[in-house]
Amino acid sequence: MSDTPRTDAKRGFHDLDTAVDAEFSEQLERELNAANERIKRLEEAGDVLMNCIPTELFCNQKLQRIENQWRKAKEAKP
């Protein structure tokens, strides 16, 4: 399975060396920009929430796990 199925479908399966049109590329770029903006807003909201938790509560193992998962999730960028 390809990691670019929409582009492959636009080109057609028998002509994989053919470029796709600019309009389709622009649509993909707009969607990528919108997704990146959403990720940025979600990260900012997550940071605000993490900062609302009093530091003294991080002795709680569950909260430590949550903080570690949050930090790990933010690092997982391609």
C-alpha atoms as a PDB file:
ATOM      1  CA  MET A   1       0.000   0.000   0.000  1.00  0.00           C
ATOM      2  CA  SER A   2       1.320   3.410  -0.946  1.00  0.00           C
ATOM      3  CA  ASP A   3       1.790   6.245   1.530  1.00  0.00           C
ATOM      4  CA  THR A   4       0.291   8.617  -1.095  1.00  0.00           C
ATOM      5  CA  PRO A   5      -2.974   6.924  -2.102  1.00  0.00           C
ATOM      6  CA  ARG A   6      -4.802  10.123  -3.109  1.00  0.00           C
ATOM      7  CA  THR A   7      -1.977  11.210  -5.390  1.00  0.00           C
ATOM      8  CA  ASP A   8      -1.699   7.715  -6.851  1.00  0.00           C
ATOM      9  CA  ALA A   9      -5.434   7.672  -7.536  1.00  0.00           C
ATOM     10  CA  LYS A  10      -5.247  11.075  -9.214  1.00  0.00           C
ATOM     11  CA  ARG A  11      -2.411   9.905 -11.477  1.00  0.00           C
ATOM     12  CA  GLY A  12      -3.868   6.502 -12.184  1.00  0.00           C
ATOM     13  CA  PHE A  13      -2.230   3.189 -11.404  1.00  0.00           C
ATOM     14  CA  HIS A  14      -0.676   2.612 -14.828  1.00  0.00           C
ATOM     15  CA  ASP A  15       1.141   5.922 -15.149  1.00  0.00           C
ATOM     16  CA  LEU A  16       2.970   6.396 -11.841  1.00  0.00           C
ATOM     17  CA  ASP A  17       5.653   8.624 -13.408  1.00  0.00           C
ATOM     18  CA  THR A  18       3.095  11.248 -14.444  1.00  0.00           C
ATOM     19  CA  ALA A  19       2.884  14.393 -12.323  1.00  0.00           C
ATOM     20  CA  VAL A  20      -0.419  15.509 -10.833  1.00  0.00           C
ATOM     21  CA  ASP A  21      -1.919  18.882 -11.676  1.00  0.00           C
ATOM     22  CA  ALA A  22      -1.164  22.017  -9.679  1.00  0.00           C
ATOM     23  CA  GLU A  23      -4.753  22.371  -8.447  1.00  0.00           C
ATOM     24  CA  PHE A  24      -4.609  18.964  -6.759  1.00  0.00           C
ATOM     25  CA  SER A  25      -1.181  19.739  -5.260  1.00  0.00           C
ATOM     26  CA  GLU A  26      -2.475  23.053  -3.940  1.00  0.00           C
ATOM     27  CA  GLN A  27      -5.452  21.280  -2.338  1.00  0.00           C
ATOM     28  CA  LEU A  28      -3.124  18.833  -0.592  1.00  0.00           C
ATOM     29  CA  GLU A  29      -0.917  21.678   0.611  1.00  0.00           C
ATOM     30  CA  ARG A  30      -3.921  23.592   1.999  1.00  0.00           C
ATOM     31  CA  GLU A  31      -5.052  20.467   3.851  1.00  0.00           C
ATOM     32  CA  LEU A  32      -1.542  19.921   5.215  1.00  0.00           C
ATOM     33  CA  ASN A  33      -1.325  23.527   6.412  1.00  0.00           C
ATOM     34  CA  ALA A  34      -4.747  23.257   8.075  1.00  0.00           C
ATOM     35  CA  ALA A  35      -3.732  20.008   9.796  1.00  0.00           C
ATOM     36  CA  ASN A  36      -0.473  21.540  11.016  1.00  0.00           C
ATOM     37  CA  GLU A  37      -2.352  24.555  12.382  1.00  0.00           C
ATOM     38  CA  ARG A  38      -4.752  22.236  14.208  1.00  0.00           C
ATOM     39  CA  ILE A  39      -1.821  20.301  15.692  1.00  0.00           C
ATOM     40  CA  LYS A  40      -0.288  23.585  16.860  1.00  0.00           C
ATOM     41  CA  ARG A  41      -3.551  24.642  18.550  1.00  0.00           C
ATOM     42  CA  LEU A  42      -3.936  21.224  20.195  1.00  0.00           C
ATOM     43  CA  GLU A  43      -0.351  21.352  21.486  1.00  0.00           C
ATOM     44  CA  GLU A  44      -0.907  24.821  22.893  1.00  0.00           C
ATOM     45  CA  ALA A  45      -4.132  23.704  24.594  1.00  0.00           C
ATOM     46  CA  GLY A  46      -2.388  20.635  25.998  1.00  0.00           C
ATOM     47  CA  ASP A  47       0.440  22.766  27.348  1.00  0.00           C
ATOM     48  CA  VAL A  48      -2.070  25.060  29.062  1.00  0.00           C
ATOM     49  CA  LEU A  49      -3.800  22.067  30.636  1.00  0.00           C
ATOM     50  CA  MET A  50      -0.501  20.546  31.778  1.00  0.00           C
ATOM     51  CA  ASN A  51       0.465  23.878  33.339  1.00  0.00           C
ATOM     52  CA  CYS A  52      -2.819  23.941  35.283  1.00  0.00           C
ATOM     53  CA  ILE A  53      -1.784  20.883  37.262  1.00  0.00           C
ATOM     54  CA  PRO A  54      -0.010  21.951  40.466  1.00  0.00           C
ATOM     55  CA  THR A  55       3.613  20.790  40.513  1.00  0.00           C
ATOM     56  CA  GLU A  56       3.201  19.052  43.858  1.00  0.00           C
ATOM     57  CA  LEU A  57       0.634  16.683  42.313  1.00  0.00           C
ATOM     58  CA  PHE A  58       3.229  15.240  39.934  1.00  0.00           C
ATOM     59  CA  CYS A  59       4.398  12.980  42.750  1.00  0.00           C
ATOM     60  CA  ASN A  60       1.300  10.994  41.792  1.00  0.00           C
ATOM     61  CA  GLN A  61       2.415   8.186  39.453  1.00  0.00           C
ATOM     62  CA  LYS A  62      -0.653   8.515  37.239  1.00  0.00           C
ATOM     63  CA  LEU A  63       0.010  12.213  36.649  1.00  0.00           C
ATOM     64  CA  GLN A  64       3.681  11.475  35.963  1.00  0.00           C
ATOM     65  CA  ARG A  65       2.607   8.955  33.320  1.00  0.00           C
ATOM     66  CA  ILE A  66       0.269  11.515  31.760  1.00  0.00           C
ATOM     67  CA  GLU A  67       3.026  14.133  31.665  1.00  0.00           C
ATOM     68  CA  ASN A  68       5.458  11.643  30.101  1.00  0.00           C
ATOM     69  CA  GLN A  69       2.884  10.592  27.492  1.00  0.00           C
ATOM     70  CA  TRP A  70       2.180  14.232  26.647  1.00  0.00           C
ATOM     71  CA  ARG A  71       5.865  15.032  26.198  1.00  0.00           C
ATOM     72  CA  LYS A  72       6.359  11.905  24.087  1.00  0.00           C
ATOM     73  CA  ALA A  73       3.329  12.747  21.905  1.00  0.00           C
ATOM     74  CA  LYS A  74       4.658  16.232  21.223  1.00  0.00           C
ATOM     75  CA  GLU A  75       8.041  14.818  20.176  1.00  0.00           C
ATOM     76  CA  ALA A  76       6.491  12.374  17.679  1.00  0.00           C
ATOM     77  CA  LYS A  77       6.668  14.638  14.653  1.00  0.00           C
ATOM     78  CA  PRO A  78       7.753  13.366  11.257  1.00  0.00           C
END
